[in-house]
PDB file of N, CA and C in Angstrom:
ATOM      1  N   MET A   1     154.990 120.719 149.564  1.00  0.00           N
ATOM      2  CA  MET A   1     153.553 120.796 149.337  1.00  0.00           C
ATOM      3  C   MET A   1     152.951 119.417 149.609  1.00  0.00           C
ATOM      4  N   LYS A   2     152.072 119.371 150.576  1.00  0.00           N
ATOM      5  CA  LYS A   2     151.382 118.132 150.911  1.00  0.00           C
ATOM      6  C   LYS A   2     150.016 118.146 150.228  1.00  0.00           C
ATOM      7  N   LEU A   3     149.712 117.090 149.499  1.00  0.00           N
ATOM      8  CA  LEU A   3     148.417 116.975 148.836  1.00  0.00           C
ATOM      9  C   LEU A   3     147.472 116.160 149.700  1.00  0.00           C
ATOM     10  N   ILE A   4     146.223 116.612 149.772  1.00  0.00           N
ATOM     11  CA  ILE A   4     145.226 115.915 150.573  1.00  0.00           C
ATOM     12  C   ILE A   4     143.980 115.668 149.732  1.00  0.00           C
ATOM     13  N   THR A   5     143.195 114.698 150.134  1.00  0.00           N
ATOM     14  CA  THR A   5     141.990 114.310 149.410  1.00  0.00           C
ATOM     15  C   THR A   5     140.810 115.205 149.775  1.00  0.00           C
ATOM     16  N   SER A   6     139.755 115.098 149.008  1.00  0.00           N
ATOM     17  CA  SER A   6     138.556 115.887 149.303  1.00  0.00           C
ATOM     18  C   SER A   6     137.941 115.465 150.635  1.00  0.00           C
ATOM     19  N   ASN A   7     138.102 114.218 151.013  1.00  0.00           N
ATOM     20  CA  ASN A   7     137.614 113.763 152.321  1.00  0.00           C
ATOM     21  C   ASN A   7     138.360 114.484 153.445  1.00  0.00           C
ATOM     22  N   GLU A   8     139.666 114.617 153.302  1.00  0.00           N
ATOM     23  CA  GLU A   8     140.460 115.330 154.304  1.00  0.00           C
ATOM     24  C   GLU A   8     140.098 116.817 154.324  1.00  0.00           C
ATOM     25  N   VAL A   9     139.854 117.387 153.148  1.00  0.00           N
ATOM     26  CA  VAL A   9     139.424 118.786 153.059  1.00  0.00           C
ATOM     27  C   VAL A   9     138.108 118.962 153.810  1.00  0.00           C
ATOM     28  N   ALA A  10     137.173 118.057 153.567  1.00  0.00           N
ATOM     29  CA  ALA A  10     135.867 118.128 154.222  1.00  0.00           C
ATOM     30  C   ALA A  10     136.022 118.120 155.739  1.00  0.00           C
ATOM     31  N   THR A  11     136.901 117.299 156.245  1.00  0.00           N
ATOM     32  CA  THR A  11     137.144 117.231 157.684  1.00  0.00           C
ATOM     33  C   THR A  11     137.719 118.548 158.203  1.00  0.00           C
ATOM     34  N   ILE A  12     138.673 119.103 157.479  1.00  0.00           N
ATOM     35  CA  ILE A  12     139.326 120.342 157.914  1.00  0.00           C
ATOM     36  C   ILE A  12     138.340 121.501 157.957  1.00  0.00           C
ATOM     37  N   ILE A  13     137.499 121.623 156.923  1.00  0.00           N
ATOM     38  CA  ILE A  13     136.605 122.784 156.853  1.00  0.00           C
ATOM     39  C   ILE A  13     135.238 122.524 157.481  1.00  0.00           C
ATOM     40  N   GLY A  14     135.024 121.310 157.969  1.00  0.00           N
ATOM     41  CA  GLY A  14     133.774 121.000 158.658  1.00  0.00           C
ATOM     42  C   GLY A  14     132.582 120.886 157.728  1.00  0.00           C
ATOM     43  N   GLN A  15     132.807 120.354 156.536  1.00  0.00           N
ATOM     44  CA  GLN A  15     131.750 120.188 155.549  1.00  0.00           C
ATOM     45  C   GLN A  15     131.757 118.742 155.055  1.00  0.00           C
ATOM     46  N   THR A  16     130.838 118.432 154.136  1.00  0.00           N
ATOM     47  CA  THR A  16     130.802 117.110 153.529  1.00  0.00           C
ATOM     48  C   THR A  16     131.633 117.111 152.244  1.00  0.00           C
ATOM     49  N   GLN A  17     131.927 115.924 151.744  1.00  0.00           N
ATOM     50  CA  GLN A  17     132.637 115.809 150.474  1.00  0.00           C
ATOM     51  C   GLN A  17     131.811 116.421 149.343  1.00  0.00           C
ATOM     52  N   ARG A  18     130.519 116.293 149.430  1.00  0.00           N
ATOM     53  CA  ARG A  18     129.635 116.868 148.418  1.00  0.00           C
ATOM     54  C   ARG A  18     129.769 118.395 148.404  1.00  0.00           C
ATOM     55  N   ASN A  19     129.855 118.999 149.583  1.00  0.00           N
ATOM     56  CA  ASN A  19     130.039 120.448 149.655  1.00  0.00           C
ATOM     57  C   ASN A  19     131.399 120.868 149.118  1.00  0.00           C
ATOM     58  N   VAL A  20     132.410 120.039 149.312  1.00  0.00           N
ATOM     59  CA  VAL A  20     133.734 120.330 148.757  1.00  0.00           C
ATOM     60  C   VAL A  20     133.644 120.348 147.230  1.00  0.00           C
ATOM     61  N   ALA A  21     132.950 119.385 146.656  1.00  0.00           N
ATOM     62  CA  ALA A  21     132.769 119.359 145.199  1.00  0.00           C
ATOM     63  C   ALA A  21     132.021 120.601 144.726  1.00  0.00           C
ATOM     64  N   TYR A  22     131.021 121.036 145.492  1.00  0.00           N
ATOM     65  CA  TYR A  22     130.294 122.258 145.156  1.00  0.00           C
ATOM     66  C   TYR A  22     131.222 123.468 145.199  1.00  0.00           C
ATOM     67  N   LEU A  23     132.073 123.547 146.219  1.00  0.00           N
ATOM     68  CA  LEU A  23     133.009 124.667 146.336  1.00  0.00           C
ATOM     69  C   LEU A  23     133.977 124.716 145.157  1.00  0.00           C
ATOM     70  N   VAL A  24     134.370 123.555 144.658  1.00  0.00           N
ATOM     71  CA  VAL A  24     135.243 123.503 143.481  1.00  0.00           C
ATOM     72  C   VAL A  24     134.492 124.029 142.262  1.00  0.00           C
ATOM     73  N   LYS A  25     133.269 123.549 142.049  1.00  0.00           N
ATOM     74  CA  LYS A  25     132.480 123.977 140.893  1.00  0.00           C
ATOM     75  C   LYS A  25     132.136 125.464 140.959  1.00  0.00           C
ATOM     76  N   ALA A  26     132.001 126.012 142.164  1.00  0.00           N
ATOM     77  CA  ALA A  26     131.697 127.434 142.352  1.00  0.00           C
ATOM     78  C   ALA A  26     132.965 128.291 142.360  1.00  0.00           C
ATOM     79  N   ASN A  27     134.113 127.676 142.100  1.00  0.00           N
ATOM     80  CA  ASN A  27     135.411 128.373 142.079  1.00  0.00           C
ATOM     81  C   ASN A  27     135.755 129.050 143.399  1.00  0.00           C
ATOM     82  N   LYS A  28     135.313 128.466 144.494  1.00  0.00           N
ATOM     83  CA  LYS A  28     135.637 128.979 145.824  1.00  0.00           C
ATOM     84  C   LYS A  28     136.966 128.401 146.323  1.00  0.00           C
ATOM     85  N   ILE A  29     137.264 127.179 145.873  1.00  0.00           N
ATOM     86  CA  ILE A  29     138.507 126.505 146.222  1.00  0.00           C
ATOM     87  C   ILE A  29     138.977 125.751 144.973  1.00  0.00           C
ATOM     88  N   THR A  30     140.278 125.751 144.750  1.00  0.00           N
ATOM     89  CA  THR A  30     140.822 125.148 143.531  1.00  0.00           C
ATOM     90  C   THR A  30     141.683 123.943 143.877  1.00  0.00           C
ATOM     91  N   PRO A  31     141.395 122.803 143.258  1.00  0.00           N
ATOM     92  CA  PRO A  31     142.241 121.633 143.506  1.00  0.00           C
ATOM     93  C   PRO A  31     143.610 121.814 142.850  1.00  0.00           C
ATOM     94  N   ALA A  32     144.626 121.242 143.455  1.00  0.00           N
ATOM     95  CA  ALA A  32     145.969 121.282 142.881  1.00  0.00           C
ATOM     96  C   ALA A  32     146.039 120.344 141.686  1.00  0.00           C
ATOM     97  N   ILE A  33     145.338 119.221 141.784  1.00  0.00           N
ATOM     98  CA  ILE A  33     145.353 118.198 140.732  1.00  0.00           C
ATOM     99  C   ILE A  33     143.963 117.600 140.609  1.00  0.00           C
ATOM    100  N   THR A  34     143.530 117.405 139.367  1.00  0.00           N
ATOM    101  CA  THR A  34     142.325 116.625 139.106  1.00  0.00           C
ATOM    102  C   THR A  34     142.779 115.321 138.464  1.00  0.00           C
ATOM    103  N   LEU A  35     142.476 114.219 139.117  1.00  0.00           N
ATOM    104  CA  LEU A  35     142.896 112.906 138.627  1.00  0.00           C
ATOM    105  C   LEU A  35     142.030 112.465 137.447  1.00  0.00           C
ATOM    106  N   ALA A  36     142.503 111.482 136.710  1.00  0.00           N
ATOM    107  CA  ALA A  36     141.795 110.978 135.538  1.00  0.00           C
ATOM    108  C   ALA A  36     140.391 110.475 135.886  1.00  0.00           C
ATOM    109  N   ASN A  37     140.203 109.990 137.104  1.00  0.00           N
ATOM    110  CA  ASN A  37     138.893 109.479 137.515  1.00  0.00           C
ATOM    111  C   ASN A  37     137.975 110.588 138.036  1.00  0.00           C
ATOM    112  N   GLY A  38     138.438 111.856 137.974  1.00  0.00           N
ATOM    113  CA  GLY A  38     137.614 112.988 138.402  1.00  0.00           C
ATOM    114  C   GLY A  38     137.782 113.383 139.853  1.00  0.00           C
ATOM    115  N   HIS A  39     138.557 112.640 140.605  1.00  0.00           N
ATOM    116  CA  HIS A  39     138.797 112.968 142.003  1.00  0.00           C
ATOM    117  C   HIS A  39     139.805 114.114 142.079  1.00  0.00           C
ATOM    118  N   TYR A  40     139.727 114.851 143.182  1.00  0.00           N
ATOM    119  CA  TYR A  40     140.592 116.007 143.365  1.00  0.00           C
ATOM    120  C   TYR A  40     141.619 115.765 144.459  1.00  0.00           C
ATOM    121  N   LEU A  41     142.781 116.397 144.291  1.00  0.00           N
ATOM    122  CA  LEU A  41     143.777 116.494 145.346  1.00  0.00           C
ATOM    123  C   LEU A  41     144.043 117.978 145.560  1.00  0.00           C
ATOM    124  N   PHE A  42     144.150 118.372 146.822  1.00  0.00           N
ATOM    125  CA  PHE A  42     144.285 119.773 147.180  1.00  0.00           C
ATOM    126  C   PHE A  42     145.592 120.015 147.908  1.00  0.00           C
ATOM    127  N   ASN A  43     146.133 121.205 147.739  1.00  0.00           N
ATOM    128  CA  ASN A  43     147.295 121.630 148.499  1.00  0.00           C
ATOM    129  C   ASN A  43     146.811 121.938 149.917  1.00  0.00           C
ATOM    130  N   GLU A  44     147.399 121.297 150.892  1.00  0.00           N
ATOM    131  CA  GLU A  44     146.951 121.455 152.276  1.00  0.00           C
ATOM    132  C   GLU A  44     147.014 122.920 152.730  1.00  0.00           C
ATOM    133  N   ASN A  45     148.053 123.645 152.341  1.00  0.00           N
ATOM    134  CA  ASN A  45     148.174 125.047 152.745  1.00  0.00           C
ATOM    135  C   ASN A  45     147.045 125.901 152.174  1.00  0.00           C
ATOM    136  N   ASP A  46     146.628 125.617 150.930  1.00  0.00           N
ATOM    137  CA  ASP A  46     145.506 126.352 150.329  1.00  0.00           C
ATOM    138  C   ASP A  46     144.220 126.113 151.116  1.00  0.00           C
ATOM    139  N   VAL A  47     144.028 124.880 151.543  1.00  0.00           N
ATOM    140  CA  VAL A  47     142.816 124.535 152.303  1.00  0.00           C
ATOM    141  C   VAL A  47     142.831 125.222 153.663  1.00  0.00           C
ATOM    142  N   LEU A  48     143.973 125.236 154.320  1.00  0.00           N
ATOM    143  CA  LEU A  48     144.076 125.899 155.620  1.00  0.00           C
ATOM    144  C   LEU A  48     143.832 127.397 155.481  1.00  0.00           C
ATOM    145  N   LEU A  49     144.338 127.998 154.410  1.00  0.00           N
ATOM    146  CA  LEU A  49     144.100 129.416 154.156  1.00  0.00           C
ATOM    147  C   LEU A  49     142.620 129.674 153.892  1.00  0.00           C
ATOM    148  N   PHE A  50     142.001 128.822 153.074  1.00  0.00           N
ATOM    149  CA  PHE A  50     140.564 128.944 152.794  1.00  0.00           C
ATOM    150  C   PHE A  50     139.762 128.854 154.086  1.00  0.00           C
ATOM    151  N   ASN A  51     140.116 127.904 154.934  1.00  0.00           N
ATOM    152  CA  ASN A  51     139.389 127.703 156.187  1.00  0.00           C
ATOM    153  C   ASN A  51     139.560 128.904 157.122  1.00  0.00           C
ATOM    154  N   SER A  52     140.742 129.479 157.166  1.00  0.00           N
ATOM    155  CA  SER A  52     140.953 130.641 158.036  1.00  0.00           C
ATOM    156  C   SER A  52     140.151 131.841 157.541  1.00  0.00           C
ATOM    157  N   LYS A  53     140.047 132.011 156.232  1.00  0.00           N
ATOM    158  CA  LYS A  53     139.228 133.099 155.682  1.00  0.00           C
ATOM    159  C   LYS A  53     137.758 132.858 155.983  1.00  0.00           C
ATOM    160  N   LYS A  54     137.320 131.602 155.853  1.00  0.00           N
ATOM    161  CA  LYS A  54     135.930 131.247 156.133  1.00  0.00           C
ATOM    162  C   LYS A  54     135.598 131.547 157.596  1.00  0.00           C
ATOM    163  N   LEU A  55     136.499 131.212 158.484  1.00  0.00           N
ATOM    164  CA  LEU A  55     136.264 131.461 159.907  1.00  0.00           C
ATOM    165  C   LEU A  55     136.231 132.950 160.211  1.00  0.00           C
ATOM    166  N   ASN A  56     137.039 133.740 159.529  1.00  0.00           N
ATOM    167  CA  ASN A  56     137.041 135.188 159.743  1.00  0.00           C
ATOM    168  C   ASN A  56     135.732 135.815 159.287  1.00  0.00           C
ATOM    169  N   TYR A  57     135.120 135.316 158.216  1.00  0.00           N
ATOM    170  CA  TYR A  57     133.850 135.844 157.737  1.00  0.00           C
ATOM    171  C   TYR A  57     132.716 135.521 158.707  1.00  0.00           C
ATOM    172  N   ALA A  58     132.860 134.413 159.421  1.00  0.00           N
ATOM    173  CA  ALA A  58     131.801 133.988 160.340  1.00  0.00           C
ATOM    174  C   ALA A  58     131.747 134.865 161.587  1.00  0.00           C
ATOM    175  N   LYS A  59     132.807 135.581 161.878  1.00  0.00           N
ATOM    176  CA  LYS A  59     132.863 136.398 163.100  1.00  0.00           C
ATOM    177  C   LYS A  59     132.146 137.710 162.934  1.00  0.00           C
TER     178      LYS A  59
END
């Protein structure tokens, strides 16, 4: 399991870091770990799966 930052998530899904934080608060995507400073780390496979579902809805 590779963990990635919200910045990397934003790049993968084509959104901003702010939108990634919104997606977390809206329970659309779940971080693997929330650090003590409030930053998130995500499982890369979960993000890729989320992105593939998002792309399928756009079609």
